[in-house]
Amino acid sequence: VEIDKRLAEQLPKTMDAHLPERASNLHVINKDALTITEIHPTPTALVANLPYNVSVPVLLHLLEYFPTITRGIVMVQAEVAQRLAAQPGSKSYGIPSVKLKWWADSQIASAISREVFWPAPRVDSLLLSFVHHHHSDLHNESLRKRTFAIIDSAFAQRRKMLRSSLGTFLGSSERASELLIAAGVDPTNRAENLRLEDFIAIARGISLPS
């Protein structure tokens, strides 16, 4: 998938020049990856140099629309890779970390030197690998949307207690405390300490406007 028309036209020529025996296997889709909802045949792996300014939205979009993707490795800006692979309680843990966890387990695979690029960039790059995992709520789209709404609201004020950070979204801090306690989550805890399973438990107690 390549959004740039000139590059999309050049890629088959480059493939034919350097690896002609595999050239017939290359199919270039000249589109914005954020708008793609169908690819035939459906992909089972993702290998990509993601655009650094939209790497998280592109990765999450592809995992949402292509559940056949079981594994992948992507190159992203170092700070983004660290956030995606971060675990609860760490400084880098946030919205990208939890949302990616809905579909996959990820880890830092390797560092990429600035010297392999020309011109050399001013940012560091990392390879992030991921493996699709299954959980009982994986295909529950309604629950996923509610969970992601809770995640967005909780991390909007990540240093506040959950009863406060979720208070506006849920109507009041009292209502937030009730739902948190019912979900088995301490209302005085903070978003940065919660696992995906905790956010799912909270989301089970709410409904979103249709």
N, C-alpha and C. Protein backbone atom coordinates (compact mmCIF):
# COMPACT_ATOMS: atom_id res chain seq x y z
N VAL A 1 0.86 -1.18 0.00
CA VAL A 1 0.00 0.00 0.00
C VAL A 1 0.90 1.23 0.00
N GLU A 2 0.72 2.09 -0.98
CA GLU A 2 1.55 3.30 -1.11
C GLU A 2 0.67 4.45 -1.57
N ILE A 3 0.65 5.54 -0.78
CA ILE A 3 -0.21 6.67 -1.10
C ILE A 3 0.38 7.56 -2.20
N ASP A 4 1.70 7.58 -2.32
CA ASP A 4 2.37 8.44 -3.31
C ASP A 4 2.29 7.79 -4.70
N LYS A 5 1.67 8.49 -5.64
CA LYS A 5 1.45 7.93 -6.98
C LYS A 5 2.76 7.60 -7.68
N ARG A 6 3.74 8.49 -7.55
CA ARG A 6 5.02 8.26 -8.23
C ARG A 6 5.74 7.02 -7.68
N LEU A 7 5.73 6.89 -6.36
CA LEU A 7 6.37 5.72 -5.75
C LEU A 7 5.62 4.44 -6.10
N ALA A 8 4.30 4.52 -6.11
CA ALA A 8 3.49 3.35 -6.45
C ALA A 8 3.79 2.86 -7.86
N GLU A 9 4.03 3.81 -8.76
CA GLU A 9 4.35 3.44 -10.15
C GLU A 9 5.78 2.89 -10.27
N GLN A 10 6.69 3.38 -9.41
CA GLN A 10 8.09 2.98 -9.49
C GLN A 10 8.36 1.62 -8.84
N LEU A 11 7.59 1.28 -7.82
CA LEU A 11 7.85 0.05 -7.07
C LEU A 11 7.91 -1.21 -7.93
N PRO A 12 6.96 -1.44 -8.86
CA PRO A 12 7.05 -2.64 -9.70
C PRO A 12 8.31 -2.65 -10.57
N LYS A 13 8.74 -1.47 -11.02
CA LYS A 13 9.95 -1.38 -11.84
C LYS A 13 11.18 -1.74 -11.01
N THR A 14 11.21 -1.25 -9.78
CA THR A 14 12.33 -1.56 -8.88
C THR A 14 12.37 -3.05 -8.57
N MET A 15 11.22 -3.62 -8.31
CA MET A 15 11.14 -5.06 -8.03
C MET A 15 11.60 -5.88 -9.24
N ASP A 16 11.19 -5.47 -10.41
CA ASP A 16 11.55 -6.19 -11.63
C ASP A 16 13.05 -6.11 -11.89
N ALA A 17 13.67 -4.99 -11.51
CA ALA A 17 15.10 -4.80 -11.75
C ALA A 17 15.96 -5.59 -10.76
N HIS A 18 15.49 -5.70 -9.52
CA HIS A 18 16.33 -6.31 -8.48
C HIS A 18 15.91 -7.72 -8.09
N LEU A 19 14.66 -8.08 -8.30
CA LEU A 19 14.20 -9.41 -7.94
C LEU A 19 13.15 -9.88 -8.94
N PRO A 20 13.56 -10.03 -10.19
CA PRO A 20 12.59 -10.32 -11.26
C PRO A 20 11.81 -11.61 -11.05
N GLU A 21 12.43 -12.60 -10.41
CA GLU A 21 11.74 -13.88 -10.21
C GLU A 21 10.56 -13.77 -9.23
N ARG A 22 10.53 -12.68 -8.45
CA ARG A 22 9.43 -12.47 -7.50
C ARG A 22 8.52 -11.31 -7.90
N ALA A 23 8.82 -10.68 -9.00
CA ALA A 23 8.09 -9.48 -9.39
C ALA A 23 6.59 -9.71 -9.56
N SER A 24 6.23 -10.90 -10.00
CA SER A 24 4.81 -11.19 -10.22
C SER A 24 4.03 -11.30 -8.91
N ASN A 25 4.75 -11.42 -7.80
CA ASN A 25 4.09 -11.53 -6.49
C ASN A 25 3.72 -10.17 -5.91
N LEU A 26 4.24 -9.10 -6.51
CA LEU A 26 4.02 -7.75 -5.98
C LEU A 26 2.74 -7.15 -6.54
N HIS A 27 1.88 -6.71 -5.64
CA HIS A 27 0.66 -6.00 -6.04
C HIS A 27 0.62 -4.69 -5.27
N VAL A 28 0.76 -3.58 -5.96
CA VAL A 28 0.81 -2.27 -5.32
C VAL A 28 -0.58 -1.64 -5.31
N ILE A 29 -1.02 -1.22 -4.13
CA ILE A 29 -2.30 -0.53 -3.98
C ILE A 29 -2.01 0.94 -3.74
N ASN A 30 -2.36 1.78 -4.68
CA ASN A 30 -2.08 3.21 -4.60
C ASN A 30 -3.23 3.92 -3.87
N LYS A 31 -3.22 3.79 -2.54
CA LYS A 31 -4.27 4.40 -1.72
C LYS A 31 -3.71 4.82 -0.37
N ASP A 32 -4.50 5.59 0.34
CA ASP A 32 -4.20 5.96 1.72
C ASP A 32 -4.55 4.76 2.61
N ALA A 33 -3.59 4.28 3.37
CA ALA A 33 -3.81 3.10 4.21
C ALA A 33 -4.95 3.30 5.21
N LEU A 34 -5.21 4.56 5.58
CA LEU A 34 -6.27 4.84 6.54
C LEU A 34 -7.66 4.71 5.95
N THR A 35 -7.76 4.58 4.62
CA THR A 35 -9.07 4.47 3.98
C THR A 35 -9.35 3.06 3.47
N ILE A 36 -8.38 2.18 3.56
CA ILE A 36 -8.55 0.83 3.02
C ILE A 36 -9.33 -0.04 4.01
N THR A 37 -10.37 -0.68 3.51
CA THR A 37 -11.16 -1.59 4.34
C THR A 37 -11.24 -2.99 3.74
N GLU A 38 -10.75 -3.14 2.50
CA GLU A 38 -10.77 -4.45 1.85
C GLU A 38 -9.50 -4.64 1.02
N ILE A 39 -8.93 -5.82 1.10
CA ILE A 39 -7.81 -6.23 0.25
C ILE A 39 -8.05 -7.69 -0.12
N HIS A 40 -7.90 -7.99 -1.39
CA HIS A 40 -8.08 -9.37 -1.84
C HIS A 40 -6.82 -9.87 -2.53
N PRO A 41 -6.28 -11.02 -2.11
CA PRO A 41 -6.75 -11.83 -0.98
C PRO A 41 -6.45 -11.15 0.35
N THR A 42 -7.15 -11.55 1.38
CA THR A 42 -6.98 -10.90 2.67
C THR A 42 -5.58 -11.16 3.23
N PRO A 43 -4.94 -10.14 3.79
CA PRO A 43 -3.57 -10.28 4.29
C PRO A 43 -3.50 -11.08 5.59
N THR A 44 -2.40 -11.79 5.77
CA THR A 44 -2.17 -12.54 7.00
C THR A 44 -0.97 -12.01 7.79
N ALA A 45 -0.19 -11.12 7.17
CA ALA A 45 0.97 -10.53 7.85
C ALA A 45 1.11 -9.08 7.42
N LEU A 46 1.70 -8.28 8.28
CA LEU A 46 1.93 -6.87 7.98
C LEU A 46 3.40 -6.56 8.17
N VAL A 47 4.05 -6.12 7.11
CA VAL A 47 5.44 -5.66 7.15
C VAL A 47 5.44 -4.27 6.55
N ALA A 48 5.81 -3.27 7.33
CA ALA A 48 5.63 -1.90 6.83
C ALA A 48 6.61 -0.92 7.45
N ASN A 49 6.96 0.08 6.65
CA ASN A 49 7.62 1.28 7.14
C ASN A 49 6.51 2.31 7.25
N LEU A 50 5.94 2.43 8.43
CA LEU A 50 4.75 3.27 8.59
C LEU A 50 5.12 4.75 8.60
N PRO A 51 4.27 5.60 8.01
CA PRO A 51 4.51 7.05 8.06
C PRO A 51 4.55 7.49 9.52
N TYR A 52 5.62 8.16 9.91
CA TYR A 52 5.83 8.45 11.32
C TYR A 52 4.75 9.34 11.93
N ASN A 53 4.14 10.21 11.12
CA ASN A 53 3.15 11.13 11.67
C ASN A 53 1.79 10.49 11.91
N VAL A 54 1.54 9.33 11.30
CA VAL A 54 0.24 8.65 11.47
C VAL A 54 0.43 7.16 11.74
N SER A 55 1.55 6.77 12.29
CA SER A 55 1.85 5.34 12.44
C SER A 55 0.87 4.62 13.34
N VAL A 56 0.49 5.23 14.46
CA VAL A 56 -0.45 4.56 15.37
C VAL A 56 -1.84 4.42 14.74
N PRO A 57 -2.43 5.50 14.18
CA PRO A 57 -3.73 5.33 13.53
C PRO A 57 -3.73 4.30 12.41
N VAL A 58 -2.66 4.27 11.61
CA VAL A 58 -2.60 3.30 10.51
C VAL A 58 -2.54 1.87 11.05
N LEU A 59 -1.69 1.63 12.04
CA LEU A 59 -1.56 0.28 12.60
C LEU A 59 -2.87 -0.20 13.21
N LEU A 60 -3.52 0.65 14.00
CA LEU A 60 -4.77 0.25 14.64
C LEU A 60 -5.88 0.06 13.61
N HIS A 61 -5.89 0.90 12.58
CA HIS A 61 -6.90 0.78 11.51
C HIS A 61 -6.76 -0.56 10.80
N LEU A 62 -5.54 -0.93 10.46
CA LEU A 62 -5.33 -2.18 9.73
C LEU A 62 -5.68 -3.40 10.58
N LEU A 63 -5.37 -3.35 11.86
CA LEU A 63 -5.72 -4.47 12.73
C LEU A 63 -7.24 -4.57 12.93
N GLU A 64 -7.90 -3.42 12.94
CA GLU A 64 -9.36 -3.42 13.09
C GLU A 64 -10.05 -4.01 11.87
N TYR A 65 -9.61 -3.61 10.68
CA TYR A 65 -10.31 -4.00 9.46
C TYR A 65 -9.81 -5.31 8.86
N PHE A 66 -8.65 -5.77 9.30
CA PHE A 66 -8.11 -7.01 8.74
C PHE A 66 -7.75 -7.99 9.85
N PRO A 67 -8.77 -8.63 10.44
CA PRO A 67 -8.52 -9.58 11.53
C PRO A 67 -7.75 -10.81 11.10
N THR A 68 -7.55 -10.97 9.79
CA THR A 68 -6.76 -12.10 9.29
C THR A 68 -5.26 -11.90 9.52
N ILE A 69 -4.85 -10.67 9.84
CA ILE A 69 -3.43 -10.40 10.12
C ILE A 69 -3.06 -11.06 11.45
N THR A 70 -2.16 -12.01 11.40
CA THR A 70 -1.79 -12.76 12.60
C THR A 70 -0.44 -12.34 13.19
N ARG A 71 0.36 -11.65 12.41
CA ARG A 71 1.68 -11.24 12.90
C ARG A 71 2.18 -10.09 12.03
N GLY A 72 3.22 -9.42 12.52
CA GLY A 72 3.77 -8.34 11.70
C GLY A 72 4.98 -7.71 12.34
N ILE A 73 5.65 -6.89 11.55
CA ILE A 73 6.77 -6.10 12.04
C ILE A 73 6.74 -4.77 11.30
N VAL A 74 6.80 -3.69 12.06
CA VAL A 74 6.70 -2.35 11.47
C VAL A 74 7.82 -1.47 11.99
N MET A 75 8.25 -0.54 11.15
CA MET A 75 9.24 0.44 11.58
C MET A 75 8.53 1.74 11.90
N VAL A 76 8.78 2.25 13.09
CA VAL A 76 8.16 3.49 13.54
C VAL A 76 9.19 4.31 14.31
N GLN A 77 8.84 5.54 14.61
CA GLN A 77 9.71 6.38 15.42
C GLN A 77 9.92 5.71 16.78
N ALA A 78 11.12 5.83 17.32
CA ALA A 78 11.48 5.11 18.55
C ALA A 78 10.51 5.36 19.69
N GLU A 79 10.14 6.63 19.90
CA GLU A 79 9.25 6.96 21.01
C GLU A 79 7.88 6.30 20.83
N VAL A 80 7.43 6.21 19.59
CA VAL A 80 6.14 5.59 19.30
C VAL A 80 6.19 4.09 19.58
N ALA A 81 7.27 3.45 19.16
CA ALA A 81 7.43 2.01 19.42
C ALA A 81 7.44 1.73 20.91
N GLN A 82 8.11 2.59 21.67
CA GLN A 82 8.17 2.40 23.12
C GLN A 82 6.80 2.55 23.76
N ARG A 83 6.00 3.48 23.23
CA ARG A 83 4.64 3.65 23.76
C ARG A 83 3.76 2.45 23.40
N LEU A 84 3.90 1.96 22.18
CA LEU A 84 3.08 0.83 21.75
C LEU A 84 3.38 -0.44 22.55
N ALA A 85 4.65 -0.63 22.88
CA ALA A 85 5.06 -1.86 23.59
C ALA A 85 5.06 -1.71 25.10
N ALA A 86 4.72 -0.53 25.60
CA ALA A 86 4.80 -0.26 27.04
C ALA A 86 3.82 -1.10 27.86
N GLN A 87 4.20 -1.35 29.10
CA GLN A 87 3.37 -2.13 30.02
C GLN A 87 2.78 -1.23 31.10
N PRO A 88 1.69 -1.65 31.75
CA PRO A 88 1.08 -0.83 32.80
C PRO A 88 2.08 -0.43 33.87
N GLY A 89 1.96 0.82 34.31
CA GLY A 89 2.84 1.33 35.35
C GLY A 89 4.09 2.01 34.84
N SER A 90 4.37 1.88 33.55
CA SER A 90 5.56 2.52 32.99
C SER A 90 5.24 3.92 32.49
N LYS A 91 6.26 4.73 32.35
CA LYS A 91 6.09 6.12 31.94
C LYS A 91 5.53 6.24 30.53
N SER A 92 5.87 5.29 29.67
CA SER A 92 5.45 5.35 28.26
C SER A 92 4.06 4.77 28.03
N TYR A 93 3.51 4.12 29.03
CA TYR A 93 2.21 3.44 28.88
C TYR A 93 1.09 4.45 28.67
N GLY A 94 0.27 4.22 27.65
CA GLY A 94 -0.81 5.16 27.37
C GLY A 94 -1.83 4.58 26.40
N ILE A 95 -2.55 5.46 25.74
CA ILE A 95 -3.62 5.05 24.83
C ILE A 95 -3.15 4.06 23.77
N PRO A 96 -2.05 4.34 23.04
CA PRO A 96 -1.60 3.38 22.02
C PRO A 96 -1.30 2.00 22.60
N SER A 97 -0.69 1.96 23.78
CA SER A 97 -0.32 0.69 24.41
C SER A 97 -1.55 -0.19 24.64
N VAL A 98 -2.59 0.41 25.23
CA VAL A 98 -3.77 -0.37 25.60
C VAL A 98 -4.58 -0.77 24.37
N LYS A 99 -4.73 0.16 23.42
CA LYS A 99 -5.54 -0.15 22.24
C LYS A 99 -4.90 -1.24 21.39
N LEU A 100 -3.58 -1.19 21.21
CA LEU A 100 -2.91 -2.24 20.45
C LEU A 100 -3.12 -3.60 21.13
N LYS A 101 -3.15 -3.58 22.46
CA LYS A 101 -3.30 -4.83 23.23
C LYS A 101 -4.63 -5.51 22.95
N TRP A 102 -5.62 -4.76 22.45
CA TRP A 102 -6.90 -5.39 22.11
C TRP A 102 -6.70 -6.49 21.08
N TRP A 103 -5.78 -6.23 20.14
CA TRP A 103 -5.56 -7.19 19.05
C TRP A 103 -4.29 -8.02 19.17
N ALA A 104 -3.25 -7.47 19.79
CA ALA A 104 -1.96 -8.15 19.68
C ALA A 104 -1.04 -7.89 20.87
N ASP A 105 -0.09 -8.79 21.04
CA ASP A 105 1.03 -8.60 21.96
C ASP A 105 2.20 -8.07 21.13
N SER A 106 2.91 -7.09 21.66
CA SER A 106 3.99 -6.48 20.88
C SER A 106 5.26 -6.37 21.70
N GLN A 107 6.38 -6.22 20.98
CA GLN A 107 7.66 -6.01 21.64
C GLN A 107 8.62 -5.31 20.68
N ILE A 108 9.62 -4.65 21.26
CA ILE A 108 10.66 -4.02 20.45
C ILE A 108 11.52 -5.12 19.85
N ALA A 109 11.69 -5.10 18.53
CA ALA A 109 12.46 -6.14 17.87
C ALA A 109 13.91 -5.73 17.62
N SER A 110 14.12 -4.48 17.22
CA SER A 110 15.48 -4.05 16.87
C SER A 110 15.52 -2.54 16.69
N ALA A 111 16.70 -1.99 16.88
CA ALA A 111 16.93 -0.57 16.60
C ALA A 111 17.44 -0.41 15.18
N ILE A 112 17.08 0.70 14.55
CA ILE A 112 17.53 1.00 13.19
C ILE A 112 18.40 2.25 13.23
N SER A 113 19.62 2.13 12.76
CA SER A 113 20.54 3.26 12.77
C SER A 113 20.08 4.37 11.83
N ARG A 114 20.31 5.60 12.24
CA ARG A 114 19.99 6.74 11.37
C ARG A 114 20.83 6.71 10.10
N GLU A 115 21.98 6.04 10.17
CA GLU A 115 22.91 6.04 9.05
C GLU A 115 22.43 5.23 7.86
N VAL A 116 21.41 4.40 8.04
CA VAL A 116 20.93 3.61 6.90
C VAL A 116 19.98 4.42 6.02
N PHE A 117 19.63 5.63 6.47
CA PHE A 117 18.75 6.49 5.69
C PHE A 117 19.54 7.60 5.01
N TRP A 118 19.01 8.05 3.89
CA TRP A 118 19.60 9.24 3.27
C TRP A 118 18.48 10.14 2.79
N PRO A 119 18.48 11.40 3.20
CA PRO A 119 19.38 11.96 4.22
C PRO A 119 19.05 11.41 5.61
N ALA A 120 20.02 11.45 6.50
CA ALA A 120 19.83 10.90 7.85
C ALA A 120 18.76 11.71 8.58
N PRO A 121 17.78 11.03 9.19
CA PRO A 121 16.71 11.75 9.90
C PRO A 121 17.20 12.27 11.25
N ARG A 122 16.39 13.11 11.85
CA ARG A 122 16.72 13.66 13.17
C ARG A 122 16.08 12.85 14.30
N VAL A 123 15.41 11.79 13.95
CA VAL A 123 14.75 10.95 14.96
C VAL A 123 15.27 9.52 14.86
N ASP A 124 15.18 8.80 15.97
CA ASP A 124 15.58 7.39 15.99
C ASP A 124 14.40 6.51 15.60
N SER A 125 14.71 5.33 15.07
CA SER A 125 13.67 4.41 14.63
C SER A 125 13.85 3.05 15.30
N LEU A 126 12.74 2.35 15.48
CA LEU A 126 12.76 1.01 16.04
C LEU A 126 11.83 0.11 15.23
N LEU A 127 12.17 -1.17 15.21
CA LEU A 127 11.27 -2.16 14.64
C LEU A 127 10.41 -2.71 15.77
N LEU A 128 9.11 -2.73 15.55
CA LEU A 128 8.16 -3.26 16.53
C LEU A 128 7.52 -4.51 15.94
N SER A 129 7.63 -5.62 16.63
CA SER A 129 6.98 -6.85 16.16
C SER A 129 5.72 -7.10 16.99
N PHE A 130 4.75 -7.74 16.38
CA PHE A 130 3.53 -8.07 17.12
C PHE A 130 2.98 -9.40 16.65
N VAL A 131 2.26 -10.05 17.55
CA VAL A 131 1.60 -11.32 17.26
C VAL A 131 0.15 -11.20 17.71
N HIS A 132 -0.75 -11.51 16.80
CA HIS A 132 -2.18 -11.44 17.10
C HIS A 132 -2.52 -12.44 18.20
N HIS A 133 -3.34 -12.02 19.13
CA HIS A 133 -3.78 -12.95 20.17
C HIS A 133 -5.31 -12.99 20.23
N HIS A 134 -5.82 -14.00 20.87
CA HIS A 134 -7.27 -14.14 20.97
C HIS A 134 -7.71 -13.95 22.42
N HIS A 135 -8.79 -13.22 22.60
CA HIS A 135 -9.45 -13.18 23.90
C HIS A 135 -10.95 -13.22 23.64
N SER A 136 -11.71 -13.53 24.65
CA SER A 136 -13.13 -13.82 24.46
C SER A 136 -13.93 -12.64 23.91
N ASP A 137 -13.42 -11.42 24.09
CA ASP A 137 -14.15 -10.23 23.64
C ASP A 137 -13.62 -9.66 22.33
N LEU A 138 -12.68 -10.35 21.71
CA LEU A 138 -11.98 -9.82 20.54
C LEU A 138 -12.92 -9.33 19.44
N HIS A 139 -14.00 -10.05 19.17
CA HIS A 139 -14.89 -9.71 18.07
C HIS A 139 -16.16 -8.99 18.53
N ASN A 140 -16.18 -8.56 19.77
CA ASN A 140 -17.32 -7.81 20.30
C ASN A 140 -17.10 -6.33 20.00
N GLU A 141 -17.59 -5.88 18.85
CA GLU A 141 -17.30 -4.52 18.39
C GLU A 141 -17.92 -3.46 19.29
N SER A 142 -19.11 -3.72 19.79
CA SER A 142 -19.75 -2.77 20.69
C SER A 142 -18.93 -2.57 21.96
N LEU A 143 -18.45 -3.66 22.52
CA LEU A 143 -17.63 -3.58 23.73
C LEU A 143 -16.30 -2.91 23.43
N ARG A 144 -15.73 -3.18 22.26
CA ARG A 144 -14.45 -2.54 21.90
C ARG A 144 -14.62 -1.02 21.86
N LYS A 145 -15.69 -0.55 21.24
CA LYS A 145 -15.91 0.90 21.14
C LYS A 145 -16.09 1.53 22.52
N ARG A 146 -16.82 0.84 23.39
CA ARG A 146 -17.01 1.35 24.75
C ARG A 146 -15.68 1.36 25.51
N THR A 147 -14.91 0.29 25.33
CA THR A 147 -13.61 0.20 26.00
C THR A 147 -12.68 1.31 25.53
N PHE A 148 -12.64 1.54 24.23
CA PHE A 148 -11.76 2.58 23.69
C PHE A 148 -12.20 3.97 24.15
N ALA A 149 -13.51 4.18 24.31
CA ALA A 149 -14.00 5.47 24.82
C ALA A 149 -13.56 5.68 26.26
N ILE A 150 -13.60 4.62 27.06
CA ILE A 150 -13.13 4.69 28.45
C ILE A 150 -11.63 4.97 28.48
N ILE A 151 -10.88 4.29 27.62
CA ILE A 151 -9.43 4.50 27.56
C ILE A 151 -9.11 5.95 27.22
N ASP A 152 -9.77 6.49 26.20
CA ASP A 152 -9.53 7.87 25.78
C ASP A 152 -9.82 8.84 26.92
N SER A 153 -10.92 8.64 27.60
CA SER A 153 -11.31 9.53 28.69
C SER A 153 -10.37 9.42 29.88
N ALA A 154 -10.00 8.20 30.23
CA ALA A 154 -9.13 7.99 31.39
C ALA A 154 -7.75 8.58 31.20
N PHE A 155 -7.20 8.46 29.98
CA PHE A 155 -5.85 8.97 29.73
C PHE A 155 -5.82 10.44 29.37
N ALA A 156 -6.98 11.05 29.15
CA ALA A 156 -7.01 12.49 28.86
C ALA A 156 -6.47 13.28 30.05
N GLN A 157 -6.64 12.70 31.24
CA GLN A 157 -6.09 13.31 32.46
C GLN A 157 -5.42 12.19 33.26
N ARG A 158 -4.33 11.69 32.70
CA ARG A 158 -3.72 10.45 33.19
C ARG A 158 -3.23 10.51 34.63
N ARG A 159 -2.91 11.70 35.14
CA ARG A 159 -2.38 11.79 36.49
C ARG A 159 -3.48 11.92 37.54
N LYS A 160 -4.72 12.10 37.08
CA LYS A 160 -5.83 12.19 38.02
C LYS A 160 -6.33 10.80 38.41
N MET A 161 -6.97 10.74 39.57
CA MET A 161 -7.61 9.48 39.96
C MET A 161 -8.72 9.16 38.97
N LEU A 162 -8.98 7.89 38.78
CA LEU A 162 -9.98 7.47 37.80
C LEU A 162 -11.36 8.05 38.08
N ARG A 163 -11.72 8.19 39.34
CA ARG A 163 -13.05 8.72 39.65
C ARG A 163 -13.18 10.16 39.15
N SER A 164 -12.04 10.87 39.05
CA SER A 164 -12.06 12.23 38.52
C SER A 164 -11.91 12.25 37.01
N SER A 165 -10.94 11.47 36.48
CA SER A 165 -10.69 11.49 35.03
C SER A 165 -11.87 10.95 34.25
N LEU A 166 -12.65 10.04 34.85
CA LEU A 166 -13.82 9.47 34.18
C LEU A 166 -15.12 10.15 34.59
N GLY A 167 -15.03 11.08 35.55
CA GLY A 167 -16.22 11.73 36.07
C GLY A 167 -17.04 12.46 35.03
N THR A 168 -16.38 13.24 34.18
CA THR A 168 -17.11 14.00 33.16
C THR A 168 -17.75 13.06 32.15
N PHE A 169 -17.00 12.06 31.71
CA PHE A 169 -17.50 11.11 30.71
C PHE A 169 -18.69 10.31 31.23
N LEU A 170 -18.64 9.94 32.51
CA LEU A 170 -19.68 9.09 33.08
C LEU A 170 -20.77 9.86 33.82
N GLY A 171 -20.66 11.18 33.85
CA GLY A 171 -21.71 11.99 34.45
C GLY A 171 -21.35 12.65 35.75
N SER A 172 -20.58 11.98 36.57
CA SER A 172 -20.14 12.54 37.84
C SER A 172 -19.08 11.63 38.44
N SER A 173 -18.33 12.16 39.39
CA SER A 173 -17.31 11.34 40.04
C SER A 173 -17.96 10.25 40.89
N GLU A 174 -19.16 10.55 41.42
CA GLU A 174 -19.88 9.54 42.20
C GLU A 174 -20.28 8.36 41.31
N ARG A 175 -20.84 8.67 40.14
CA ARG A 175 -21.23 7.63 39.20
C ARG A 175 -20.01 6.84 38.75
N ALA A 176 -18.91 7.55 38.49
CA ALA A 176 -17.67 6.89 38.07
C ALA A 176 -17.19 5.93 39.16
N SER A 177 -17.25 6.37 40.41
CA SER A 177 -16.80 5.52 41.52
C SER A 177 -17.65 4.25 41.61
N GLU A 178 -18.96 4.39 41.42
CA GLU A 178 -19.86 3.24 41.48
C GLU A 178 -19.49 2.20 40.42
N LEU A 179 -19.29 2.68 39.18
CA LEU A 179 -18.96 1.78 38.08
C LEU A 179 -17.58 1.15 38.27
N LEU A 180 -16.65 1.91 38.78
CA LEU A 180 -15.30 1.39 38.99
C LEU A 180 -15.31 0.30 40.06
N ILE A 181 -16.00 0.55 41.15
CA ILE A 181 -16.08 -0.45 42.21
C ILE A 181 -16.76 -1.72 41.70
N ALA A 182 -17.83 -1.54 40.92
CA ALA A 182 -18.54 -2.70 40.36
C ALA A 182 -17.64 -3.51 39.42
N ALA A 183 -16.69 -2.82 38.78
CA ALA A 183 -15.76 -3.49 37.86
C ALA A 183 -14.55 -4.06 38.58
N GLY A 184 -14.47 -3.85 39.89
CA GLY A 184 -13.34 -4.36 40.65
C GLY A 184 -12.10 -3.49 40.53
N VAL A 185 -12.31 -2.20 40.21
CA VAL A 185 -11.20 -1.26 40.04
C VAL A 185 -11.26 -0.20 41.13
N ASP A 186 -10.14 0.07 41.76
CA ASP A 186 -10.06 1.09 42.80
C ASP A 186 -10.29 2.48 42.19
N PRO A 187 -11.29 3.24 42.64
CA PRO A 187 -11.56 4.57 42.08
C PRO A 187 -10.41 5.55 42.27
N THR A 188 -9.50 5.28 43.23
CA THR A 188 -8.37 6.18 43.45
C THR A 188 -7.15 5.80 42.61
N ASN A 189 -7.27 4.74 41.85
CA ASN A 189 -6.16 4.34 40.97
C ASN A 189 -6.09 5.29 39.78
N ARG A 190 -5.06 5.14 38.96
CA ARG A 190 -4.88 5.99 37.78
C ARG A 190 -4.82 5.15 36.52
N ALA A 191 -5.15 5.77 35.40
CA ALA A 191 -5.22 5.05 34.12
C ALA A 191 -3.93 4.32 33.80
N GLU A 192 -2.80 4.92 34.13
CA GLU A 192 -1.51 4.35 33.75
C GLU A 192 -1.20 3.02 34.44
N ASN A 193 -2.02 2.66 35.43
CA ASN A 193 -1.79 1.40 36.15
C ASN A 193 -2.74 0.28 35.74
N LEU A 194 -3.71 0.59 34.87
CA LEU A 194 -4.73 -0.39 34.51
C LEU A 194 -4.33 -1.23 33.31
N ARG A 195 -4.71 -2.50 33.34
CA ARG A 195 -4.51 -3.39 32.20
C ARG A 195 -5.71 -3.28 31.26
N LEU A 196 -5.57 -3.82 30.06
CA LEU A 196 -6.69 -3.83 29.13
C LEU A 196 -7.91 -4.48 29.78
N GLU A 197 -7.70 -5.58 30.51
CA GLU A 197 -8.80 -6.29 31.14
C GLU A 197 -9.58 -5.40 32.10
N ASP A 198 -8.89 -4.48 32.77
CA ASP A 198 -9.56 -3.56 33.69
C ASP A 198 -10.46 -2.59 32.93
N PHE A 199 -9.94 -2.06 31.81
CA PHE A 199 -10.75 -1.14 31.01
C PHE A 199 -11.97 -1.85 30.43
N ILE A 200 -11.81 -3.11 30.04
CA ILE A 200 -12.94 -3.88 29.52
C ILE A 200 -13.99 -4.06 30.61
N ALA A 201 -13.55 -4.36 31.82
CA ALA A 201 -14.49 -4.56 32.94
C ALA A 201 -15.29 -3.29 33.20
N ILE A 202 -14.64 -2.13 33.12
CA ILE A 202 -15.35 -0.86 33.31
C ILE A 202 -16.36 -0.64 32.19
N ALA A 203 -15.93 -0.93 30.96
CA ALA A 203 -16.77 -0.69 29.79
C ALA A 203 -18.03 -1.55 29.80
N ARG A 204 -17.99 -2.69 30.44
CA ARG A 204 -19.17 -3.56 30.49
C ARG A 204 -20.34 -2.88 31.21
N GLY A 205 -20.01 -1.91 32.06
CA GLY A 205 -21.06 -1.27 32.85
C GLY A 205 -21.67 -0.03 32.22
N ILE A 206 -21.23 0.32 31.01
CA ILE A 206 -21.75 1.54 30.38
C ILE A 206 -22.36 1.23 29.02
N SER A 207 -23.06 2.20 28.48
CA SER A 207 -23.57 2.13 27.11
C SER A 207 -23.26 3.44 26.43
N LEU A 208 -23.07 3.41 25.12
CA LEU A 208 -22.79 4.61 24.35
C LEU A 208 -24.03 5.02 23.57
N PRO A 209 -24.20 6.34 23.32
CA PRO A 209 -25.33 6.78 22.50
C PRO A 209 -25.23 6.17 21.11
N SER A 210 -26.33 5.74 20.54
CA SER A 210 -26.31 5.13 19.21
C SER A 210 -26.18 6.20 18.14
